[in-house]
Structures are given as C-alpha cells and as structure tokens.
Amino acid sequence: MCLTLVFTIQKLRHYMNAYTIHLATKADPIKYVMSKPVLTGRLAKWTLLLNQYEIICIPAKVVKGQALADFLADHPIPTDWKISDDLPDEEVFYINIFSTWTIFFDGSTREDEARARVVFMSPQRQILPYSFQMSELCSNNVAEYQALIIGLQMVTPSS
C-alpha cells in the first residue's frame, strides 16, 4: 500500500502540493511507516517522500458515513410530509411466483453463412426451436450475441 502511495505521489506531485490529501483506506500506511523504530532502505525513502505532503488517512467507513450524512443534509425531508407507520398496501406481502421458461441460444459462422439458433423450453419441458440465417458474415462471438438479442426480442412484448 505504501508503494502504491509513493507511485501516486510521483505521478501526481503537482496536485499533492496544492491540496490536503484525504486518503480513504482500511489501514494507515503513513502511520505504519512512521511507527517503525528504525527505518532503512526503501522505507526510509518513502517516509521522507510522504512527510513532504499533507496526507490525512481516513477509515473507509467514515467516508461512506459522511457521504450519507452529506446527502441527507442536502435533501431534507419537507416539513409538510406526514410519517406513517402503516403500510399503504398490505398486498405488498403477497406475490405470485410463476414458473419460468428457459432460453438457450447459439450462433455459428461458416465461410458462406452465419446462423443464430434460439431454443425456448417451457416449464412443462416443451421445446420450441428457432433458427435464423443472418444477412452478413460475422465472427462466432457476434453470431452468438445476435442469437441472444434475437431470443430476448422474441420474448419481450412490443409496445
């Protein structure tokens, strides 16, 4: 983590001189480096480099909490809103679970044609196969994506 911070300082030096840097981390790399009783080699170089800038380490949870507090401060609840403990609609607790259909798709390309195949399988295991020839040659991956798109368009109701 210290090495990442050192690389960042080297690349963004002009920004770091002008501002106080707030570093959101799970660990405090500066505190770690500074707490060593004897610094040698790279750690000594890094300590000298890090001490040149005003870097404040903040725990990531504090940043998340502050973002939420800032949002709530910027968007206050209007005073004319009434807070109610009652649910407006008890039907929220009732849901219908429908059995699902399954879609399989595949696309393939040969020298002279590209094809897309889509197979739908109903909850009762009925199989509905479809095959399409594409107007343009394309790669196998593109043919597969086209098969997926065609299958999704087939099941999406048109408006």
N, C-alpha and C. Protein backbone atom coordinates (compact mmCIF):
# COMPACT_ATOMS: atom_id res chain seq x y z
N MET A 1 0.83 -1.19 0.00
CA MET A 1 0.00 0.00 0.00
C MET A 1 0.87 1.25 0.00
N CYS A 2 1.96 1.21 0.74
CA CYS A 2 2.88 2.35 0.77
C CYS A 2 3.48 2.59 -0.60
N LEU A 3 3.83 1.51 -1.29
CA LEU A 3 4.41 1.64 -2.62
C LEU A 3 3.41 2.26 -3.59
N THR A 4 2.16 1.88 -3.49
CA THR A 4 1.12 2.49 -4.32
C THR A 4 1.02 3.98 -4.04
N LEU A 5 1.07 4.36 -2.80
CA LEU A 5 1.02 5.76 -2.42
C LEU A 5 2.24 6.51 -2.96
N VAL A 6 3.40 5.89 -2.91
CA VAL A 6 4.62 6.51 -3.42
C VAL A 6 4.50 6.73 -4.94
N PHE A 7 4.04 5.73 -5.67
CA PHE A 7 3.85 5.88 -7.12
C PHE A 7 2.86 6.99 -7.43
N THR A 8 1.78 7.06 -6.67
CA THR A 8 0.78 8.10 -6.87
C THR A 8 1.40 9.47 -6.64
N ILE A 9 2.19 9.61 -5.61
CA ILE A 9 2.85 10.89 -5.33
C ILE A 9 3.78 11.27 -6.47
N GLN A 10 4.50 10.31 -7.01
CA GLN A 10 5.43 10.61 -8.10
C GLN A 10 4.68 11.07 -9.35
N LYS A 11 3.52 10.49 -9.63
CA LYS A 11 2.77 10.84 -10.84
C LYS A 11 1.94 12.11 -10.67
N LEU A 12 1.44 12.35 -9.47
CA LEU A 12 0.51 13.47 -9.23
C LEU A 12 1.10 14.52 -8.29
N ARG A 13 2.38 14.70 -8.31
CA ARG A 13 3.08 15.59 -7.39
C ARG A 13 2.49 17.01 -7.41
N HIS A 14 2.20 17.53 -8.60
CA HIS A 14 1.71 18.90 -8.71
C HIS A 14 0.34 19.08 -8.06
N TYR A 15 -0.49 18.03 -8.03
CA TYR A 15 -1.78 18.12 -7.34
C TYR A 15 -1.59 18.03 -5.83
N MET A 16 -0.68 17.20 -5.41
CA MET A 16 -0.49 16.95 -3.98
C MET A 16 0.14 18.14 -3.27
N ASN A 17 0.89 18.97 -3.99
CA ASN A 17 1.46 20.17 -3.38
C ASN A 17 0.38 21.19 -3.06
N ALA A 18 -0.65 21.24 -3.88
CA ALA A 18 -1.65 22.30 -3.77
C ALA A 18 -2.78 21.97 -2.78
N TYR A 19 -2.97 20.72 -2.45
CA TYR A 19 -4.13 20.34 -1.66
C TYR A 19 -3.75 19.46 -0.47
N THR A 20 -4.68 19.42 0.50
CA THR A 20 -4.58 18.43 1.57
C THR A 20 -5.19 17.15 1.03
N ILE A 21 -4.49 16.06 1.15
CA ILE A 21 -4.93 14.78 0.61
C ILE A 21 -5.60 13.98 1.71
N HIS A 22 -6.85 13.54 1.44
CA HIS A 22 -7.57 12.66 2.36
C HIS A 22 -7.55 11.27 1.74
N LEU A 23 -6.88 10.35 2.39
CA LEU A 23 -6.68 9.00 1.88
C LEU A 23 -7.62 8.06 2.62
N ALA A 24 -8.60 7.50 1.89
CA ALA A 24 -9.55 6.57 2.48
C ALA A 24 -9.00 5.15 2.36
N THR A 25 -8.62 4.56 3.48
CA THR A 25 -8.03 3.22 3.48
C THR A 25 -8.53 2.41 4.66
N LYS A 26 -8.29 1.12 4.59
CA LYS A 26 -8.58 0.25 5.72
C LYS A 26 -7.44 0.31 6.73
N ALA A 27 -6.24 0.58 6.25
CA ALA A 27 -5.06 0.68 7.12
C ALA A 27 -4.40 2.03 6.88
N ASP A 28 -3.63 2.48 7.82
CA ASP A 28 -2.95 3.76 7.71
C ASP A 28 -1.49 3.52 7.34
N PRO A 29 -1.13 3.61 6.04
CA PRO A 29 0.25 3.30 5.64
C PRO A 29 1.26 4.28 6.19
N ILE A 30 0.88 5.53 6.34
CA ILE A 30 1.81 6.52 6.85
C ILE A 30 2.12 6.24 8.31
N LYS A 31 1.09 5.92 9.09
CA LYS A 31 1.27 5.59 10.50
C LYS A 31 2.15 4.34 10.65
N TYR A 32 1.95 3.38 9.75
CA TYR A 32 2.74 2.16 9.78
C TYR A 32 4.22 2.47 9.54
N VAL A 33 4.49 3.27 8.52
CA VAL A 33 5.88 3.59 8.19
C VAL A 33 6.51 4.41 9.30
N MET A 34 5.78 5.36 9.85
CA MET A 34 6.33 6.25 10.86
C MET A 34 6.52 5.56 12.22
N SER A 35 5.78 4.48 12.48
CA SER A 35 5.88 3.82 13.78
C SER A 35 7.06 2.86 13.88
N LYS A 36 7.73 2.61 12.78
CA LYS A 36 8.90 1.73 12.82
C LYS A 36 10.02 2.41 13.60
N PRO A 37 10.65 1.70 14.53
CA PRO A 37 11.72 2.33 15.32
C PRO A 37 12.96 2.65 14.47
N VAL A 38 13.29 1.78 13.55
CA VAL A 38 14.46 2.01 12.70
C VAL A 38 14.02 1.84 11.26
N LEU A 39 14.25 2.88 10.48
CA LEU A 39 13.89 2.83 9.08
C LEU A 39 15.14 2.72 8.23
N THR A 40 15.13 1.76 7.32
CA THR A 40 16.27 1.60 6.43
C THR A 40 15.77 1.37 5.01
N GLY A 41 16.63 1.62 4.06
CA GLY A 41 16.33 1.31 2.67
C GLY A 41 15.13 2.06 2.14
N ARG A 42 14.23 1.30 1.50
CA ARG A 42 13.06 1.89 0.87
C ARG A 42 12.13 2.59 1.84
N LEU A 43 11.92 1.99 3.01
CA LEU A 43 11.01 2.60 3.98
C LEU A 43 11.50 3.98 4.40
N ALA A 44 12.79 4.17 4.53
CA ALA A 44 13.33 5.48 4.88
C ALA A 44 13.07 6.49 3.76
N LYS A 45 13.27 6.07 2.52
CA LYS A 45 13.00 6.95 1.37
C LYS A 45 11.52 7.31 1.32
N TRP A 46 10.67 6.30 1.50
CA TRP A 46 9.24 6.54 1.45
C TRP A 46 8.80 7.49 2.55
N THR A 47 9.35 7.33 3.75
CA THR A 47 9.00 8.22 4.86
C THR A 47 9.34 9.66 4.52
N LEU A 48 10.51 9.89 3.96
CA LEU A 48 10.88 11.25 3.57
C LEU A 48 9.94 11.80 2.50
N LEU A 49 9.58 10.95 1.56
CA LEU A 49 8.68 11.39 0.50
C LEU A 49 7.28 11.69 1.03
N LEU A 50 6.77 10.83 1.90
CA LEU A 50 5.41 11.00 2.43
C LEU A 50 5.30 12.20 3.36
N ASN A 51 6.37 12.53 4.08
CA ASN A 51 6.34 13.64 5.02
C ASN A 51 6.31 15.00 4.33
N GLN A 52 6.59 15.06 3.04
CA GLN A 52 6.58 16.33 2.31
C GLN A 52 5.16 16.84 2.07
N TYR A 53 4.18 15.96 2.15
CA TYR A 53 2.81 16.31 1.78
C TYR A 53 1.89 16.20 2.97
N GLU A 54 0.78 16.90 2.88
CA GLU A 54 -0.23 16.85 3.94
C GLU A 54 -1.22 15.75 3.59
N ILE A 55 -0.99 14.56 4.13
CA ILE A 55 -1.82 13.39 3.84
C ILE A 55 -2.51 12.97 5.12
N ILE A 56 -3.84 12.92 5.06
CA ILE A 56 -4.64 12.51 6.21
C ILE A 56 -5.34 11.21 5.86
N CYS A 57 -5.11 10.17 6.64
CA CYS A 57 -5.76 8.88 6.40
C CYS A 57 -7.09 8.83 7.14
N ILE A 58 -8.12 8.44 6.42
CA ILE A 58 -9.48 8.35 6.97
C ILE A 58 -9.98 6.93 6.74
N PRO A 59 -10.56 6.29 7.75
CA PRO A 59 -11.14 4.96 7.53
C PRO A 59 -12.25 5.02 6.48
N ALA A 60 -12.35 4.00 5.65
CA ALA A 60 -13.34 3.97 4.56
C ALA A 60 -14.76 4.08 5.09
N LYS A 61 -15.04 3.51 6.26
CA LYS A 61 -16.39 3.58 6.83
C LYS A 61 -16.78 5.02 7.14
N VAL A 62 -15.82 5.82 7.56
CA VAL A 62 -16.09 7.22 7.86
C VAL A 62 -16.49 7.95 6.59
N VAL A 63 -15.81 7.65 5.49
CA VAL A 63 -16.11 8.31 4.22
C VAL A 63 -17.52 7.95 3.77
N LYS A 64 -17.91 6.67 3.88
CA LYS A 64 -19.26 6.26 3.49
C LYS A 64 -20.30 6.94 4.37
N GLY A 65 -20.06 6.98 5.66
CA GLY A 65 -20.99 7.64 6.57
C GLY A 65 -21.11 9.12 6.29
N GLN A 66 -19.99 9.76 5.98
CA GLN A 66 -20.01 11.19 5.67
C GLN A 66 -20.77 11.46 4.38
N ALA A 67 -20.63 10.59 3.39
CA ALA A 67 -21.35 10.74 2.12
C ALA A 67 -22.85 10.66 2.36
N LEU A 68 -23.27 9.73 3.21
CA LEU A 68 -24.69 9.60 3.54
C LEU A 68 -25.18 10.84 4.30
N ALA A 69 -24.40 11.30 5.26
CA ALA A 69 -24.78 12.50 6.02
C ALA A 69 -24.87 13.72 5.11
N ASP A 70 -23.93 13.87 4.18
CA ASP A 70 -23.96 14.99 3.24
C ASP A 70 -25.20 14.93 2.36
N PHE A 71 -25.56 13.73 1.90
CA PHE A 71 -26.75 13.58 1.07
C PHE A 71 -28.01 13.98 1.84
N LEU A 72 -28.12 13.47 3.07
CA LEU A 72 -29.31 13.80 3.87
C LEU A 72 -29.37 15.30 4.20
N ALA A 73 -28.22 15.92 4.40
CA ALA A 73 -28.19 17.37 4.68
C ALA A 73 -28.60 18.17 3.44
N ASP A 74 -28.22 17.70 2.26
CA ASP A 74 -28.58 18.40 1.02
C ASP A 74 -30.01 18.15 0.58
N HIS A 75 -30.64 17.08 1.08
CA HIS A 75 -32.00 16.72 0.68
C HIS A 75 -32.87 16.54 1.93
N PRO A 76 -33.20 17.62 2.61
CA PRO A 76 -34.01 17.48 3.83
C PRO A 76 -35.44 17.05 3.50
N ILE A 77 -36.06 16.38 4.46
CA ILE A 77 -37.46 15.97 4.31
C ILE A 77 -38.33 17.20 4.52
N PRO A 78 -39.26 17.46 3.60
CA PRO A 78 -40.14 18.63 3.77
C PRO A 78 -40.95 18.53 5.06
N THR A 79 -41.22 19.66 5.68
CA THR A 79 -41.93 19.68 6.96
C THR A 79 -43.38 19.27 6.82
N ASP A 80 -43.97 19.40 5.63
CA ASP A 80 -45.38 19.05 5.46
C ASP A 80 -45.60 17.56 5.20
N TRP A 81 -44.53 16.75 5.17
CA TRP A 81 -44.68 15.30 5.00
C TRP A 81 -45.12 14.68 6.31
N LYS A 82 -46.06 13.76 6.22
CA LYS A 82 -46.51 13.03 7.40
C LYS A 82 -45.84 11.65 7.39
N ILE A 83 -45.30 11.28 8.52
CA ILE A 83 -44.67 9.96 8.64
C ILE A 83 -45.70 9.01 9.22
N SER A 84 -45.92 7.90 8.52
CA SER A 84 -46.92 6.93 8.93
C SER A 84 -46.26 5.56 9.10
N ASP A 85 -46.66 4.86 10.14
CA ASP A 85 -46.14 3.51 10.37
C ASP A 85 -46.95 2.46 9.62
N ASP A 86 -48.13 2.83 9.12
CA ASP A 86 -48.99 1.89 8.41
C ASP A 86 -48.50 1.70 6.98
N LEU A 87 -48.58 0.46 6.53
CA LEU A 87 -48.26 0.20 5.13
C LEU A 87 -49.45 0.61 4.27
N PRO A 88 -49.22 1.32 3.19
CA PRO A 88 -50.35 1.77 2.38
C PRO A 88 -51.07 0.62 1.69
N ASP A 89 -50.38 -0.48 1.47
CA ASP A 89 -50.99 -1.57 0.73
C ASP A 89 -50.48 -2.90 1.29
N GLU A 90 -51.37 -3.64 1.94
CA GLU A 90 -50.95 -4.90 2.54
C GLU A 90 -50.72 -5.99 1.50
N GLU A 91 -51.15 -5.74 0.26
CA GLU A 91 -50.94 -6.72 -0.78
C GLU A 91 -49.47 -6.83 -1.17
N VAL A 92 -48.65 -5.95 -0.63
CA VAL A 92 -47.23 -5.99 -0.91
C VAL A 92 -46.64 -7.32 -0.45
N PHE A 93 -47.22 -7.89 0.58
CA PHE A 93 -46.68 -9.13 1.14
C PHE A 93 -47.06 -10.37 0.34
N TYR A 94 -47.93 -10.22 -0.64
CA TYR A 94 -48.38 -11.36 -1.43
C TYR A 94 -47.81 -11.24 -2.83
N ILE A 95 -47.10 -12.25 -3.24
CA ILE A 95 -46.54 -12.23 -4.59
C ILE A 95 -46.91 -13.53 -5.29
N ASN A 96 -47.03 -13.44 -6.59
CA ASN A 96 -47.28 -14.63 -7.39
C ASN A 96 -45.96 -15.08 -8.00
N ILE A 97 -45.65 -16.32 -7.81
CA ILE A 97 -44.43 -16.87 -8.39
C ILE A 97 -44.85 -17.72 -9.58
N PHE A 98 -44.42 -17.28 -10.75
CA PHE A 98 -44.74 -18.00 -11.97
C PHE A 98 -43.59 -18.94 -12.30
N SER A 99 -43.94 -20.08 -12.90
CA SER A 99 -42.88 -20.97 -13.34
C SER A 99 -42.14 -20.32 -14.51
N THR A 100 -40.88 -20.63 -14.62
CA THR A 100 -40.03 -19.91 -15.57
C THR A 100 -39.81 -20.70 -16.85
N TRP A 101 -39.62 -19.95 -17.90
CA TRP A 101 -39.20 -20.51 -19.17
C TRP A 101 -37.68 -20.42 -19.21
N THR A 102 -37.07 -21.28 -19.98
CA THR A 102 -35.61 -21.27 -20.14
C THR A 102 -35.30 -20.98 -21.60
N ILE A 103 -34.26 -20.17 -21.82
CA ILE A 103 -33.84 -19.86 -23.18
C ILE A 103 -32.41 -20.35 -23.37
N PHE A 104 -32.20 -21.02 -24.49
CA PHE A 104 -30.86 -21.45 -24.90
C PHE A 104 -30.59 -20.78 -26.23
N PHE A 105 -29.36 -20.36 -26.45
CA PHE A 105 -29.04 -19.70 -27.72
C PHE A 105 -27.64 -20.07 -28.14
N ASP A 106 -27.43 -20.03 -29.45
CA ASP A 106 -26.12 -20.34 -30.00
C ASP A 106 -26.02 -19.68 -31.37
N GLY A 107 -24.82 -19.32 -31.72
CA GLY A 107 -24.58 -18.75 -33.04
C GLY A 107 -23.34 -19.38 -33.63
N SER A 108 -23.33 -19.52 -34.95
CA SER A 108 -22.16 -20.10 -35.60
C SER A 108 -21.96 -19.44 -36.95
N THR A 109 -20.72 -19.47 -37.39
CA THR A 109 -20.36 -18.87 -38.67
C THR A 109 -19.55 -19.88 -39.47
N ARG A 110 -19.87 -19.96 -40.75
CA ARG A 110 -19.07 -20.74 -41.68
C ARG A 110 -18.60 -19.79 -42.78
N GLU A 111 -17.91 -20.31 -43.76
CA GLU A 111 -17.38 -19.46 -44.82
C GLU A 111 -18.48 -18.73 -45.59
N ASP A 112 -19.62 -19.40 -45.77
CA ASP A 112 -20.65 -18.82 -46.62
C ASP A 112 -21.88 -18.30 -45.88
N GLU A 113 -22.01 -18.56 -44.57
CA GLU A 113 -23.20 -18.09 -43.87
C GLU A 113 -22.96 -17.98 -42.36
N ALA A 114 -23.84 -17.21 -41.74
CA ALA A 114 -23.85 -17.09 -40.28
C ALA A 114 -25.27 -17.40 -39.82
N ARG A 115 -25.38 -18.19 -38.76
CA ARG A 115 -26.71 -18.60 -38.28
C ARG A 115 -26.82 -18.35 -36.77
N ALA A 116 -28.03 -18.12 -36.37
CA ALA A 116 -28.35 -17.97 -34.94
C ALA A 116 -29.46 -18.95 -34.62
N ARG A 117 -29.32 -19.62 -33.49
CA ARG A 117 -30.34 -20.58 -33.07
C ARG A 117 -30.79 -20.22 -31.65
N VAL A 118 -32.10 -20.28 -31.46
CA VAL A 118 -32.70 -19.98 -30.16
C VAL A 118 -33.66 -21.12 -29.84
N VAL A 119 -33.59 -21.62 -28.61
CA VAL A 119 -34.48 -22.69 -28.17
C VAL A 119 -35.12 -22.25 -26.86
N PHE A 120 -36.46 -22.27 -26.84
CA PHE A 120 -37.20 -21.96 -25.61
C PHE A 120 -37.70 -23.27 -25.03
N MET A 121 -37.64 -23.38 -23.69
CA MET A 121 -38.16 -24.56 -23.02
C MET A 121 -39.18 -24.10 -21.97
N SER A 122 -40.39 -24.59 -22.09
CA SER A 122 -41.46 -24.20 -21.17
C SER A 122 -41.29 -24.90 -19.83
N PRO A 123 -42.03 -24.47 -18.81
CA PRO A 123 -41.95 -25.16 -17.51
C PRO A 123 -42.39 -26.62 -17.60
N GLN A 124 -43.23 -26.94 -18.61
CA GLN A 124 -43.67 -28.33 -18.78
C GLN A 124 -42.70 -29.10 -19.68
N ARG A 125 -41.54 -28.54 -19.98
CA ARG A 125 -40.47 -29.16 -20.78
C ARG A 125 -40.83 -29.27 -22.27
N GLN A 126 -41.72 -28.42 -22.74
CA GLN A 126 -41.98 -28.36 -24.18
C GLN A 126 -40.86 -27.53 -24.82
N ILE A 127 -40.37 -27.96 -25.97
CA ILE A 127 -39.24 -27.29 -26.61
C ILE A 127 -39.71 -26.59 -27.88
N LEU A 128 -39.32 -25.31 -28.00
CA LEU A 128 -39.66 -24.51 -29.18
C LEU A 128 -38.36 -24.03 -29.82
N PRO A 129 -37.89 -24.71 -30.88
CA PRO A 129 -36.63 -24.30 -31.51
C PRO A 129 -36.87 -23.29 -32.64
N TYR A 130 -35.94 -22.35 -32.79
CA TYR A 130 -35.97 -21.37 -33.87
C TYR A 130 -34.56 -21.24 -34.43
N SER A 131 -34.49 -21.03 -35.75
CA SER A 131 -33.20 -20.85 -36.39
C SER A 131 -33.29 -19.69 -37.37
N PHE A 132 -32.24 -18.87 -37.41
CA PHE A 132 -32.23 -17.68 -38.26
C PHE A 132 -30.93 -17.62 -39.04
N GLN A 133 -31.03 -17.23 -40.29
CA GLN A 133 -29.83 -17.00 -41.08
C GLN A 133 -29.58 -15.50 -41.10
N MET A 134 -28.34 -15.10 -40.84
CA MET A 134 -28.01 -13.68 -40.78
C MET A 134 -27.63 -13.17 -42.16
N SER A 135 -27.91 -11.91 -42.38
CA SER A 135 -27.66 -11.33 -43.70
C SER A 135 -26.19 -11.01 -43.93
N GLU A 136 -25.40 -10.88 -42.86
CA GLU A 136 -23.98 -10.56 -43.00
C GLU A 136 -23.13 -11.63 -42.33
N LEU A 137 -21.95 -11.84 -42.88
CA LEU A 137 -21.00 -12.74 -42.23
C LEU A 137 -20.41 -12.04 -41.02
N CYS A 138 -20.15 -12.80 -39.98
CA CYS A 138 -19.59 -12.23 -38.75
C CYS A 138 -18.83 -13.32 -38.02
N SER A 139 -18.20 -12.96 -36.92
CA SER A 139 -17.46 -13.94 -36.13
C SER A 139 -18.44 -14.81 -35.33
N ASN A 140 -17.94 -15.91 -34.80
CA ASN A 140 -18.78 -16.79 -33.98
C ASN A 140 -19.33 -16.05 -32.75
N ASN A 141 -18.49 -15.21 -32.13
CA ASN A 141 -18.95 -14.47 -30.95
C ASN A 141 -20.08 -13.53 -31.31
N VAL A 142 -19.96 -12.82 -32.42
CA VAL A 142 -21.02 -11.89 -32.85
C VAL A 142 -22.28 -12.66 -33.16
N ALA A 143 -22.15 -13.82 -33.79
CA ALA A 143 -23.32 -14.65 -34.09
C ALA A 143 -24.01 -15.10 -32.81
N GLU A 144 -23.22 -15.43 -31.80
CA GLU A 144 -23.81 -15.83 -30.52
C GLU A 144 -24.53 -14.68 -29.85
N TYR A 145 -23.92 -13.49 -29.86
CA TYR A 145 -24.57 -12.31 -29.29
C TYR A 145 -25.86 -12.00 -30.04
N GLN A 146 -25.83 -12.14 -31.35
CA GLN A 146 -27.03 -11.89 -32.14
C GLN A 146 -28.13 -12.89 -31.78
N ALA A 147 -27.76 -14.14 -31.54
CA ALA A 147 -28.74 -15.15 -31.13
C ALA A 147 -29.37 -14.76 -29.80
N LEU A 148 -28.57 -14.27 -28.87
CA LEU A 148 -29.12 -13.81 -27.59
C LEU A 148 -30.07 -12.64 -27.79
N ILE A 149 -29.66 -11.68 -28.58
CA ILE A 149 -30.50 -10.50 -28.83
C ILE A 149 -31.82 -10.90 -29.49
N ILE A 150 -31.75 -11.78 -30.48
CA ILE A 150 -32.97 -12.25 -31.15
C ILE A 150 -33.89 -12.94 -30.15
N GLY A 151 -33.33 -13.82 -29.32
CA GLY A 151 -34.13 -14.51 -28.31
C GLY A 151 -34.79 -13.54 -27.34
N LEU A 152 -34.05 -12.54 -26.89
CA LEU A 152 -34.63 -11.55 -25.97
C LEU A 152 -35.71 -10.72 -26.65
N GLN A 153 -35.50 -10.39 -27.92
CA GLN A 153 -36.52 -9.64 -28.65
C GLN A 153 -37.78 -10.47 -28.84
N MET A 154 -37.62 -11.77 -28.99
CA MET A 154 -38.80 -12.64 -29.16
C MET A 154 -39.66 -12.70 -27.90
N VAL A 155 -39.04 -12.64 -26.73
CA VAL A 155 -39.82 -12.76 -25.50
C VAL A 155 -40.26 -11.42 -24.95
N THR A 156 -39.72 -10.33 -25.47
CA THR A 156 -40.09 -9.01 -24.99
C THR A 156 -41.33 -8.53 -25.71
N PRO A 157 -42.36 -8.15 -24.96
CA PRO A 157 -43.57 -7.67 -25.63
C PRO A 157 -43.28 -6.35 -26.35
N SER A 158 -43.78 -6.24 -27.56
CA SER A 158 -43.57 -4.99 -28.32
C SER A 158 -44.62 -3.98 -27.90
N SER A 159 -44.21 -2.71 -27.89
CA SER A 159 -45.15 -1.68 -27.44
C SER A 159 -45.77 -0.96 -28.61
